[in-house]
Amino acid sequence: MNANSSSSAPSSPLPPVTVLGLGQMGSALAATLLGAGHPTTVWNRTPGKAAPLAARGARTATDPGEAVAASPLVVACVLDHDALRSALAPHTTSLGGRTLVNLTSGSPEQAEATAEWAASHGARYLDGAIMTTPDGVGDAAMMFLYSGDEAAFEEHRATLAALGDPLLLGPAPGIASLYDTALLGLMWSVFVGWLHGTALVGTEKVDARAYTPVALRWLSGAVTAFVTRYAAQVDAGSYPGDDATVDVQIATVEHLLHAASGRGVDTALPELLKDAMVRARDAGHGSDSFASVIEVLR
């Protein structure tokens, strides 16, 4: 045998994948898998949406059953959980032995119900959450959250990594959806806080592009350190007020209220923040750290 024969042998082909649903996100998923070299079968309720992917080499299926049968890994991104089960209901015999990865948005309870439904038809199930917009699919820095069948996740980890950084959160099917909603709440809170601050400094003719780098440095430095410290306090249920107590924070938020009201900036956000702090103080946490506010939130 030639010593170089092994190095010149063709590499093993990448495993095939099926994508159900070709909206903006589903199309991005399919295009990314195609670009990574996976033989990709696609299906959409409106067949015309498959044309751009077919032009790039995707196989188009005439119905969900044919699409599912084409691959051991089926990635779904459709309108909702009901739409997924409705599409697959006439074709459940195709699900046996396959892994269904559901990237459709929904609640934890819907994820659990879909996991039970998939298992009843012999499929392994992973529920997922895409923590980016379609243009971020394929970026290794973007998180894709998964929960459910851990063995299935490990088997298909390399394929899922083509879409983004795959993070398994645990075996409970609904936990990825719960993280998704929690992280969206965090995102919206940060957005509104940033916009309120931008409006506030904007009254002094400060541009958003000037304020934002300072805000991001504050978030990535001091605020990140506080959150990391507070996480341990929340888990322990103990809130030593050795940095800044709730009482101090209440006094400080008054400065924000004064600055906003004096400049005609809406005060609903700082009033909301103050309300949570005051409720924590009234519950006996005035001398505790800000992390103690969680006691009035849960």
C-alpha atoms as a PDB file:
ATOM      1  CA  MET A   1       0.000   0.000   0.000  1.00  0.00           C
ATOM      2  CA  ASN A   2       1.244   3.465  -0.838  1.00  0.00           C
ATOM      3  CA  ALA A   3       2.262   5.341   2.310  1.00  0.00           C
ATOM      4  CA  ASN A   4       0.315   8.365   1.152  1.00  0.00           C
ATOM      5  CA  SER A   5      -2.879   6.507   0.307  1.00  0.00           C
ATOM      6  CA  SER A   6      -4.574   7.206   3.617  1.00  0.00           C
ATOM      7  CA  SER A   7      -3.934  10.929   3.377  1.00  0.00           C
ATOM      8  CA  SER A   8      -5.280  11.089  -0.149  1.00  0.00           C
ATOM      9  CA  ALA A   9      -8.440   9.114   0.597  1.00  0.00           C
ATOM     10  CA  PRO A  10     -11.631  11.167   0.534  1.00  0.00           C
ATOM     11  CA  SER A  11     -12.922  12.251   3.940  1.00  0.00           C
ATOM     12  CA  SER A  12     -16.144  10.789   5.279  1.00  0.00           C
ATOM     13  CA  PRO A  13     -19.168  12.776   4.131  1.00  0.00           C
ATOM     14  CA  LEU A  14     -20.900  14.904   6.718  1.00  0.00           C
ATOM     15  CA  PRO A  15     -24.193  13.528   8.040  1.00  0.00           C
ATOM     16  CA  PRO A  16     -27.398  14.602   6.298  1.00  0.00           C
ATOM     17  CA  VAL A  17     -29.831  16.980   7.979  1.00  0.00           C
ATOM     18  CA  THR A  18     -33.450  17.874   7.347  1.00  0.00           C
ATOM     19  CA  VAL A  19     -34.851  21.345   8.011  1.00  0.00           C
ATOM     20  CA  LEU A  20     -38.600  21.815   8.414  1.00  0.00           C
ATOM     21  CA  GLY A  21     -39.811  25.388   7.980  1.00  0.00           C
ATOM     22  CA  LEU A  22     -38.233  27.971   5.697  1.00  0.00           C
ATOM     23  CA  GLY A  23     -39.127  31.317   7.158  1.00  0.00           C
ATOM     24  CA  GLN A  24     -36.278  33.768   7.652  1.00  0.00           C
ATOM     25  CA  MET A  25     -34.746  31.756  10.475  1.00  0.00           C
ATOM     26  CA  GLY A  26     -35.401  28.325   8.979  1.00  0.00           C
ATOM     27  CA  SER A  27     -33.873  29.419   5.684  1.00  0.00           C
ATOM     28  CA  ALA A  28     -30.802  30.708   7.542  1.00  0.00           C
ATOM     29  CA  LEU A  29     -30.454  27.371   9.336  1.00  0.00           C
ATOM     30  CA  ALA A  30     -30.704  25.396   6.097  1.00  0.00           C
ATOM     31  CA  ALA A  31     -28.317  27.691   4.230  1.00  0.00           C
ATOM     32  CA  THR A  32     -25.750  27.419   7.013  1.00  0.00           C
ATOM     33  CA  LEU A  33     -25.924  23.633   7.088  1.00  0.00           C
ATOM     34  CA  LEU A  34     -25.560  23.546   3.306  1.00  0.00           C
ATOM     35  CA  GLY A  35     -22.610  25.890   3.488  1.00  0.00           C
ATOM     36  CA  ALA A  36     -20.954  23.671   6.095  1.00  0.00           C
ATOM     37  CA  GLY A  37     -21.204  20.722   3.696  1.00  0.00           C
ATOM     38  CA  HIS A  38     -24.146  18.796   5.127  1.00  0.00           C
ATOM     39  CA  PRO A  39     -26.482  17.163   2.597  1.00  0.00           C
ATOM     40  CA  THR A  40     -29.642  19.093   3.460  1.00  0.00           C
ATOM     41  CA  THR A  41     -33.262  18.239   2.782  1.00  0.00           C
ATOM     42  CA  VAL A  42     -35.810  21.012   3.211  1.00  0.00           C
ATOM     43  CA  TRP A  43     -39.564  21.251   3.436  1.00  0.00           C
ATOM     44  CA  ASN A  44     -41.919  24.175   3.779  1.00  0.00           C
ATOM     45  CA  ARG A  45     -45.672  24.434   3.699  1.00  0.00           C
ATOM     46  CA  THR A  46     -45.273  26.966   0.869  1.00  0.00           C
ATOM     47  CA  PRO A  47     -43.013  25.075  -1.581  1.00  0.00           C
ATOM     48  CA  GLY A  48     -41.768  28.170  -3.387  1.00  0.00           C
ATOM     49  CA  LYS A  49     -39.704  29.214  -0.383  1.00  0.00           C
ATOM     50  CA  ALA A  50     -37.413  26.250  -1.002  1.00  0.00           C
ATOM     51  CA  ALA A  51     -36.318  27.476  -4.447  1.00  0.00           C
ATOM     52  CA  PRO A  52     -33.281  29.551  -3.347  1.00  0.00           C
ATOM     53  CA  LEU A  53     -31.995  26.654  -1.249  1.00  0.00           C
ATOM     54  CA  ALA A  54     -32.635  24.151  -4.027  1.00  0.00           C
ATOM     55  CA  ALA A  55     -30.538  26.340  -6.298  1.00  0.00           C
ATOM     56  CA  ARG A  56     -27.701  25.948  -3.803  1.00  0.00           C
ATOM     57  CA  GLY A  57     -27.994  22.172  -3.740  1.00  0.00           C
ATOM     58  CA  ALA A  58     -30.648  21.402  -1.144  1.00  0.00           C
ATOM     59  CA  ARG A  59     -32.990  18.513  -1.761  1.00  0.00           C
ATOM     60  CA  THR A  60     -36.639  19.557  -1.569  1.00  0.00           C
ATOM     61  CA  ALA A  61     -39.185  17.187  -0.086  1.00  0.00           C
ATOM     62  CA  THR A  62     -42.795  17.072  -1.210  1.00  0.00           C
ATOM     63  CA  ASP A  63     -44.147  16.463   2.287  1.00  0.00           C
ATOM     64  CA  PRO A  64     -42.882  16.347   5.890  1.00  0.00           C
ATOM     65  CA  GLY A  65     -42.783  12.551   5.906  1.00  0.00           C
ATOM     66  CA  GLU A  66     -40.386  12.440   2.973  1.00  0.00           C
ATOM     67  CA  ALA A  67     -38.285  15.161   4.594  1.00  0.00           C
ATOM     68  CA  VAL A  68     -38.054  13.349   7.941  1.00  0.00           C
ATOM     69  CA  ALA A  69     -37.204  10.041   6.294  1.00  0.00           C
ATOM     70  CA  ALA A  70     -34.244  11.642   4.503  1.00  0.00           C
ATOM     71  CA  SER A  71     -32.085  12.313   7.581  1.00  0.00           C
ATOM     72  CA  PRO A  72     -31.330  10.985  11.061  1.00  0.00           C
ATOM     73  CA  LEU A  73     -31.385  14.580  12.366  1.00  0.00           C
ATOM     74  CA  VAL A  74     -34.478  16.742  11.805  1.00  0.00           C
ATOM     75  CA  VAL A  75     -34.324  20.445  12.693  1.00  0.00           C
ATOM     76  CA  ALA A  76     -37.669  22.209  12.907  1.00  0.00           C
ATOM     77  CA  CYS A  77     -38.283  25.949  12.951  1.00  0.00           C
ATOM     78  CA  VAL A  78     -41.942  26.639  12.239  1.00  0.00           C
ATOM     79  CA  LEU A  79     -44.652  28.950  13.550  1.00  0.00           C
ATOM     80  CA  ASP A  80     -45.334  27.193  16.842  1.00  0.00           C
ATOM     81  CA  HIS A  81     -45.493  23.779  18.515  1.00  0.00           C
ATOM     82  CA  ASP A  82     -49.027  23.129  17.288  1.00  0.00           C
ATOM     83  CA  ALA A  83     -47.946  23.802  13.706  1.00  0.00           C
ATOM     84  CA  LEU A  84     -45.072  21.337  14.063  1.00  0.00           C
ATOM     85  CA  ARG A  85     -47.204  18.526  15.438  1.00  0.00           C
ATOM     86  CA  SER A  86     -49.921  19.241  12.875  1.00  0.00           C
ATOM     87  CA  ALA A  87     -47.423  18.995  10.006  1.00  0.00           C
ATOM     88  CA  LEU A  88     -45.913  15.772  11.296  1.00  0.00           C
ATOM     89  CA  ALA A  89     -49.119  14.086  12.513  1.00  0.00           C
ATOM     90  CA  PRO A  90     -49.814  12.249   9.205  1.00  0.00           C
ATOM     91  CA  HIS A  91     -46.175  11.123   9.020  1.00  0.00           C
ATOM     92  CA  THR A  92     -45.344   9.941  12.529  1.00  0.00           C
ATOM     93  CA  THR A  93     -44.100   6.551  11.329  1.00  0.00           C
ATOM     94  CA  SER A  94     -41.134   8.394   9.793  1.00  0.00           C
ATOM     95  CA  LEU A  95     -40.035   9.701  13.197  1.00  0.00           C
ATOM     96  CA  GLY A  96     -38.956   6.371  14.669  1.00  0.00           C
ATOM     97  CA  GLY A  97     -35.248   6.286  15.480  1.00  0.00           C
ATOM     98  CA  ARG A  98     -34.643   9.909  14.510  1.00  0.00           C
ATOM     99  CA  THR A  99     -33.675  12.944  16.545  1.00  0.00           C
ATOM    100  CA  LEU A 100     -36.068  15.875  16.384  1.00  0.00           C
ATOM    101  CA  VAL A 101     -34.494  19.213  17.276  1.00  0.00           C
ATOM    102  CA  ASN A 102     -37.223  21.769  17.731  1.00  0.00           C
ATOM    103  CA  LEU A 103     -36.001  25.358  17.419  1.00  0.00           C
ATOM    104  CA  THR A 104     -39.556  26.694  17.317  1.00  0.00           C
ATOM    105  CA  SER A 105     -40.279  29.344  19.946  1.00  0.00           C
ATOM    106  CA  GLY A 106     -42.652  28.331  22.708  1.00  0.00           C
ATOM    107  CA  SER A 107     -43.182  27.914  26.424  1.00  0.00           C
ATOM    108  CA  PRO A 108     -41.489  25.337  28.678  1.00  0.00           C
ATOM    109  CA  GLU A 109     -44.820  23.540  29.019  1.00  0.00           C
ATOM    110  CA  GLN A 110     -45.174  23.310  25.239  1.00  0.00           C
ATOM    111  CA  ALA A 111     -41.641  21.919  24.988  1.00  0.00           C
ATOM    112  CA  GLU A 112     -42.441  19.231  27.534  1.00  0.00           C
ATOM    113  CA  ALA A 113     -45.644  18.282  25.718  1.00  0.00           C
ATOM    114  CA  THR A 114     -43.850  18.089  22.354  1.00  0.00           C
ATOM    115  CA  ALA A 115     -41.091  15.975  23.913  1.00  0.00           C
ATOM    116  CA  GLU A 116     -43.695  13.490  25.174  1.00  0.00           C
ATOM    117  CA  TRP A 117     -45.372  13.476  21.774  1.00  0.00           C
ATOM    118  CA  ALA A 118     -42.071  12.827  19.972  1.00  0.00           C
ATOM    119  CA  ALA A 119     -41.141  10.044  22.383  1.00  0.00           C
ATOM    120  CA  SER A 120     -44.511   8.374  21.819  1.00  0.00           C
ATOM    121  CA  HIS A 121     -43.545   8.078  18.152  1.00  0.00           C
ATOM    122  CA  GLY A 122     -40.061   6.731  18.798  1.00  0.00           C
ATOM    123  CA  ALA A 123     -38.097   9.958  18.286  1.00  0.00           C
ATOM    124  CA  ARG A 124     -35.443  11.426  20.529  1.00  0.00           C
ATOM    125  CA  TYR A 125     -36.137  15.081  21.293  1.00  0.00           C
ATOM    126  CA  LEU A 126     -34.155  18.247  21.880  1.00  0.00           C
ATOM    127  CA  ASP A 127     -35.831  21.571  22.445  1.00  0.00           C
ATOM    128  CA  GLY A 128     -33.799  24.613  21.535  1.00  0.00           C
ATOM    129  CA  ALA A 129     -33.584  28.371  21.579  1.00  0.00           C
ATOM    130  CA  ILE A 130     -31.731  30.470  19.010  1.00  0.00           C
ATOM    131  CA  MET A 131     -30.079  33.381  20.783  1.00  0.00           C
ATOM    132  CA  THR A 132     -29.451  35.458  17.672  1.00  0.00           C
ATOM    133  CA  THR A 133     -31.156  36.848  14.589  1.00  0.00           C
ATOM    134  CA  PRO A 134     -30.974  35.064  11.208  1.00  0.00           C
ATOM    135  CA  ASP A 135     -27.828  36.920  10.154  1.00  0.00           C
ATOM    136  CA  GLY A 136     -26.009  35.533  13.208  1.00  0.00           C
ATOM    137  CA  VAL A 137     -26.664  31.877  12.364  1.00  0.00           C
ATOM    138  CA  GLY A 138     -23.352  30.155  11.696  1.00  0.00           C
ATOM    139  CA  ASP A 139     -21.383  32.490  13.978  1.00  0.00           C
ATOM    140  CA  ALA A 140     -19.566  30.412  16.613  1.00  0.00           C
ATOM    141  CA  ALA A 141     -19.944  33.284  19.090  1.00  0.00           C
ATOM    142  CA  MET A 142     -23.755  33.009  19.016  1.00  0.00           C
ATOM    143  CA  MET A 143     -25.415  30.694  21.532  1.00  0.00           C
ATOM    144  CA  PHE A 144     -27.875  27.969  20.635  1.00  0.00           C
ATOM    145  CA  LEU A 145     -29.453  26.592  23.806  1.00  0.00           C
ATOM    146  CA  TYR A 146     -30.653  22.984  24.001  1.00  0.00           C
ATOM    147  CA  SER A 147     -32.344  20.772  26.549  1.00  0.00           C
ATOM    148  CA  GLY A 148     -33.658  17.233  26.449  1.00  0.00           C
ATOM    149  CA  ASP A 149     -32.067  13.962  25.339  1.00  0.00           C
ATOM    150  CA  GLU A 150     -28.415  14.263  26.320  1.00  0.00           C
ATOM    151  CA  ALA A 151     -27.243  11.268  24.285  1.00  0.00           C
ATOM    152  CA  ALA A 152     -28.872  12.699  21.164  1.00  0.00           C
ATOM    153  CA  PHE A 153     -27.196  16.031  21.809  1.00  0.00           C
ATOM    154  CA  GLU A 154     -23.756  14.445  22.078  1.00  0.00           C
ATOM    155  CA  GLU A 155     -24.347  12.376  18.943  1.00  0.00           C
ATOM    156  CA  HIS A 156     -25.252  15.434  16.890  1.00  0.00           C
ATOM    157  CA  ARG A 157     -23.141  18.070  18.661  1.00  0.00           C
ATOM    158  CA  ALA A 158     -20.752  18.531  15.726  1.00  0.00           C
ATOM    159  CA  THR A 159     -23.627  19.121  13.305  1.00  0.00           C
ATOM    160  CA  LEU A 160     -25.366  21.534  15.661  1.00  0.00           C
ATOM    161  CA  ALA A 161     -22.091  23.421  16.115  1.00  0.00           C
ATOM    162  CA  ALA A 162     -22.331  24.494  12.471  1.00  0.00           C
ATOM    163  CA  LEU A 163     -25.252  26.715  13.498  1.00  0.00           C
ATOM    164  CA  GLY A 164     -23.605  28.346  16.524  1.00  0.00           C
ATOM    165  CA  ASP A 165     -22.177  27.467  19.920  1.00  0.00           C
ATOM    166  CA  PRO A 166     -24.367  24.581  21.208  1.00  0.00           C
ATOM    167  CA  LEU A 167     -25.014  24.667  24.960  1.00  0.00           C
ATOM    168  CA  LEU A 168     -26.825  21.769  26.642  1.00  0.00           C
ATOM    169  CA  LEU A 169     -28.681  23.022  29.717  1.00  0.00           C
ATOM    170  CA  GLY A 170     -29.956  19.705  31.031  1.00  0.00           C
ATOM    171  CA  PRO A 171     -32.336  16.829  30.401  1.00  0.00           C
ATOM    172  CA  ALA A 172     -35.592  18.644  31.218  1.00  0.00           C
ATOM    173  CA  PRO A 173     -37.069  19.540  27.791  1.00  0.00           C
ATOM    174  CA  GLY A 174     -38.477  22.890  28.909  1.00  0.00           C
ATOM    175  CA  ILE A 175     -35.335  24.412  30.410  1.00  0.00           C
ATOM    176  CA  ALA A 176     -33.996  25.854  27.125  1.00  0.00           C
ATOM    177  CA  SER A 177     -37.285  27.677  26.571  1.00  0.00           C
ATOM    178  CA  LEU A 178     -37.201  28.965  30.149  1.00  0.00           C
ATOM    179  CA  TYR A 179     -33.655  30.276  29.688  1.00  0.00           C
ATOM    180  CA  ASP A 180     -34.776  31.861  26.409  1.00  0.00           C
ATOM    181  CA  THR A 181     -37.543  33.870  28.043  1.00  0.00           C
ATOM    182  CA  ALA A 182     -35.336  34.793  31.007  1.00  0.00           C
ATOM    183  CA  LEU A 183     -32.562  36.009  28.715  1.00  0.00           C
ATOM    184  CA  LEU A 184     -34.997  37.989  26.580  1.00  0.00           C
ATOM    185  CA  GLY A 185     -36.251  39.677  29.757  1.00  0.00           C
ATOM    186  CA  LEU A 186     -32.658  40.548  30.613  1.00  0.00           C
ATOM    187  CA  MET A 187     -32.060  41.894  27.103  1.00  0.00           C
ATOM    188  CA  TRP A 188     -35.147  44.095  27.145  1.00  0.00           C
ATOM    189  CA  SER A 189     -34.273  45.416  30.596  1.00  0.00           C
ATOM    190  CA  VAL A 190     -30.778  46.337  29.403  1.00  0.00           C
ATOM    191  CA  PHE A 191     -32.158  47.928  26.225  1.00  0.00           C
ATOM    192  CA  VAL A 192     -34.641  50.070  28.140  1.00  0.00           C
ATOM    193  CA  GLY A 193     -32.033  51.035  30.743  1.00  0.00           C
ATOM    194  CA  TRP A 194     -29.602  52.022  27.999  1.00  0.00           C
ATOM    195  CA  LEU A 195     -32.263  54.000  26.121  1.00  0.00           C
ATOM    196  CA  HIS A 196     -33.326  55.789  29.313  1.00  0.00           C
ATOM    197  CA  GLY A 197     -29.718  56.716  30.028  1.00  0.00           C
ATOM    198  CA  THR A 198     -29.261  57.822  26.423  1.00  0.00           C
ATOM    199  CA  ALA A 199     -32.333  60.035  26.700  1.00  0.00           C
ATOM    200  CA  LEU A 200     -31.045  61.480  29.959  1.00  0.00           C
ATOM    201  CA  VAL A 201     -27.566  62.455  28.729  1.00  0.00           C
ATOM    202  CA  GLY A 202     -29.120  63.485  25.429  1.00  0.00           C
ATOM    203  CA  THR A 203     -30.728  66.433  27.185  1.00  0.00           C
ATOM    204  CA  GLU A 204     -27.192  67.835  27.396  1.00  0.00           C
ATOM    205  CA  LYS A 205     -26.566  67.275  23.668  1.00  0.00           C
ATOM    206  CA  VAL A 206     -24.582  64.064  24.251  1.00  0.00           C
ATOM    207  CA  ASP A 207     -24.860  61.709  21.268  1.00  0.00           C
ATOM    208  CA  ALA A 208     -25.799  58.072  21.786  1.00  0.00           C
ATOM    209  CA  ARG A 209     -22.530  57.085  20.106  1.00  0.00           C
ATOM    210  CA  ALA A 210     -20.583  59.021  22.731  1.00  0.00           C
ATOM    211  CA  TYR A 211     -22.522  57.670  25.707  1.00  0.00           C
ATOM    212  CA  THR A 212     -22.665  54.034  24.590  1.00  0.00           C
ATOM    213  CA  PRO A 213     -18.955  53.076  24.861  1.00  0.00           C
ATOM    214  CA  VAL A 214     -18.915  54.371  28.430  1.00  0.00           C
ATOM    215  CA  ALA A 215     -22.124  52.471  29.215  1.00  0.00           C
ATOM    216  CA  LEU A 216     -20.746  49.241  27.739  1.00  0.00           C
ATOM    217  CA  ARG A 217     -17.517  49.572  29.705  1.00  0.00           C
ATOM    218  CA  TRP A 218     -19.548  50.014  32.890  1.00  0.00           C
ATOM    219  CA  LEU A 219     -21.656  46.936  32.074  1.00  0.00           C
ATOM    220  CA  SER A 220     -18.749  44.680  31.134  1.00  0.00           C
ATOM    221  CA  GLY A 221     -16.636  45.737  34.099  1.00  0.00           C
ATOM    222  CA  ALA A 222     -18.206  46.790  37.379  1.00  0.00           C
ATOM    223  CA  VAL A 223     -21.746  45.576  36.649  1.00  0.00           C
ATOM    224  CA  THR A 224     -20.545  42.143  35.517  1.00  0.00           C
ATOM    225  CA  ALA A 225     -18.524  41.846  38.734  1.00  0.00           C
ATOM    226  CA  PHE A 226     -21.560  42.764  40.841  1.00  0.00           C
ATOM    227  CA  VAL A 227     -23.789  40.231  39.061  1.00  0.00           C
ATOM    228  CA  THR A 228     -21.199  37.473  39.508  1.00  0.00           C
ATOM    229  CA  ARG A 229     -20.906  38.238  43.223  1.00  0.00           C
ATOM    230  CA  TYR A 230     -24.664  38.489  43.665  1.00  0.00           C
ATOM    231  CA  ALA A 231     -25.261  35.116  41.965  1.00  0.00           C
ATOM    232  CA  ALA A 232     -23.449  33.366  44.814  1.00  0.00           C
ATOM    233  CA  GLN A 233     -25.496  35.353  47.347  1.00  0.00           C
ATOM    234  CA  VAL A 234     -28.778  34.425  45.665  1.00  0.00           C
ATOM    235  CA  ASP A 235     -27.866  30.723  45.651  1.00  0.00           C
ATOM    236  CA  ALA A 236     -26.896  30.915  49.320  1.00  0.00           C
ATOM    237  CA  GLY A 237     -29.934  32.980  50.309  1.00  0.00           C
ATOM    238  CA  SER A 238     -27.610  35.303  52.221  1.00  0.00           C
ATOM    239  CA  TYR A 239     -27.102  38.946  51.264  1.00  0.00           C
ATOM    240  CA  PRO A 240     -24.279  40.626  53.210  1.00  0.00           C
ATOM    241  CA  GLY A 241     -24.576  44.355  52.722  1.00  0.00           C
ATOM    242  CA  ASP A 242     -20.840  44.852  52.424  1.00  0.00           C
ATOM    243  CA  ASP A 243     -20.888  46.835  49.192  1.00  0.00           C
ATOM    244  CA  ALA A 244     -24.005  48.985  48.868  1.00  0.00           C
ATOM    245  CA  THR A 245     -27.158  48.225  50.818  1.00  0.00           C
ATOM    246  CA  VAL A 246     -30.720  48.471  49.604  1.00  0.00           C
ATOM    247  CA  ASP A 247     -31.174  51.555  51.802  1.00  0.00           C
ATOM    248  CA  VAL A 248     -28.251  53.232  50.055  1.00  0.00           C
ATOM    249  CA  GLN A 249     -29.595  52.250  46.647  1.00  0.00           C
ATOM    250  CA  ILE A 250     -32.988  53.782  47.464  1.00  0.00           C
ATOM    251  CA  ALA A 251     -31.309  57.062  48.339  1.00  0.00           C
ATOM    252  CA  THR A 252     -29.259  56.898  45.141  1.00  0.00           C
ATOM    253  CA  VAL A 253     -32.173  56.163  42.809  1.00  0.00           C
ATOM    254  CA  GLU A 254     -33.694  59.436  44.021  1.00  0.00           C
ATOM    255  CA  HIS A 255     -30.867  61.222  42.186  1.00  0.00           C
ATOM    256  CA  LEU A 256     -31.910  59.484  38.966  1.00  0.00           C
ATOM    257  CA  LEU A 257     -35.535  60.448  39.533  1.00  0.00           C
ATOM    258  CA  HIS A 258     -34.565  64.061  40.202  1.00  0.00           C
ATOM    259  CA  ALA A 259     -32.310  64.284  37.138  1.00  0.00           C
ATOM    260  CA  ALA A 260     -34.912  62.715  34.858  1.00  0.00           C
ATOM    261  CA  SER A 261     -37.905  64.725  36.058  1.00  0.00           C
ATOM    262  CA  GLY A 262     -35.925  67.955  35.948  1.00  0.00           C
ATOM    263  CA  ARG A 263     -35.035  67.346  32.316  1.00  0.00           C
ATOM    264  CA  GLY A 264     -38.406  66.160  31.089  1.00  0.00           C
ATOM    265  CA  VAL A 265     -37.315  62.524  30.740  1.00  0.00           C
ATOM    266  CA  ASP A 266     -39.898  59.849  31.565  1.00  0.00           C
ATOM    267  CA  THR A 267     -39.553  58.584  35.146  1.00  0.00           C
ATOM    268  CA  ALA A 268     -41.541  55.335  34.858  1.00  0.00           C
ATOM    269  CA  LEU A 269     -38.401  53.166  34.761  1.00  0.00           C
ATOM    270  CA  PRO A 270     -36.646  54.619  37.828  1.00  0.00           C
ATOM    271  CA  GLU A 271     -39.994  54.605  39.692  1.00  0.00           C
ATOM    272  CA  LEU A 272     -40.315  50.890  38.906  1.00  0.00           C
ATOM    273  CA  LEU A 273     -36.783  50.240  40.162  1.00  0.00           C
ATOM    274  CA  LYS A 274     -37.392  52.229  43.315  1.00  0.00           C
ATOM    275  CA  ASP A 275     -40.636  50.340  43.967  1.00  0.00           C
ATOM    276  CA  ALA A 276     -38.806  47.002  43.954  1.00  0.00           C
ATOM    277  CA  MET A 277     -36.134  48.362  46.295  1.00  0.00           C
ATOM    278  CA  VAL A 278     -38.705  49.821  48.690  1.00  0.00           C
ATOM    279  CA  ARG A 279     -40.594  46.519  48.807  1.00  0.00           C
ATOM    280  CA  ALA A 280     -37.323  44.747  49.641  1.00  0.00           C
ATOM    281  CA  ARG A 281     -36.593  47.274  52.385  1.00  0.00           C
ATOM    282  CA  ASP A 282     -40.072  46.894  53.811  1.00  0.00           C
ATOM    283  CA  ALA A 283     -39.564  43.122  53.834  1.00  0.00           C
ATOM    284  CA  GLY A 284     -36.564  43.610  56.117  1.00  0.00           C
ATOM    285  CA  HIS A 285     -33.709  43.805  53.605  1.00  0.00           C
ATOM    286  CA  GLY A 286     -32.756  47.472  53.958  1.00  0.00           C
ATOM    287  CA  SER A 287     -29.286  46.633  55.271  1.00  0.00           C
ATOM    288  CA  ASP A 288     -28.757  43.766  52.812  1.00  0.00           C
ATOM    289  CA  SER A 289     -27.140  43.891  49.383  1.00  0.00           C
ATOM    290  CA  PHE A 290     -29.108  44.673  46.245  1.00  0.00           C
ATOM    291  CA  ALA A 291     -29.294  40.937  45.506  1.00  0.00           C
ATOM    292  CA  SER A 292     -31.900  40.663  48.279  1.00  0.00           C
ATOM    293  CA  VAL A 293     -34.439  42.313  45.962  1.00  0.00           C
ATOM    294  CA  ILE A 294     -34.953  38.842  44.494  1.00  0.00           C
ATOM    295  CA  GLU A 295     -36.882  37.969  47.656  1.00  0.00           C
ATOM    296  CA  VAL A 296     -39.752  40.232  46.551  1.00  0.00           C
ATOM    297  CA  LEU A 297     -39.598  39.038  42.953  1.00  0.00           C
ATOM    298  CA  ARG A 298     -40.177  35.339  43.552  1.00  0.00           C
END
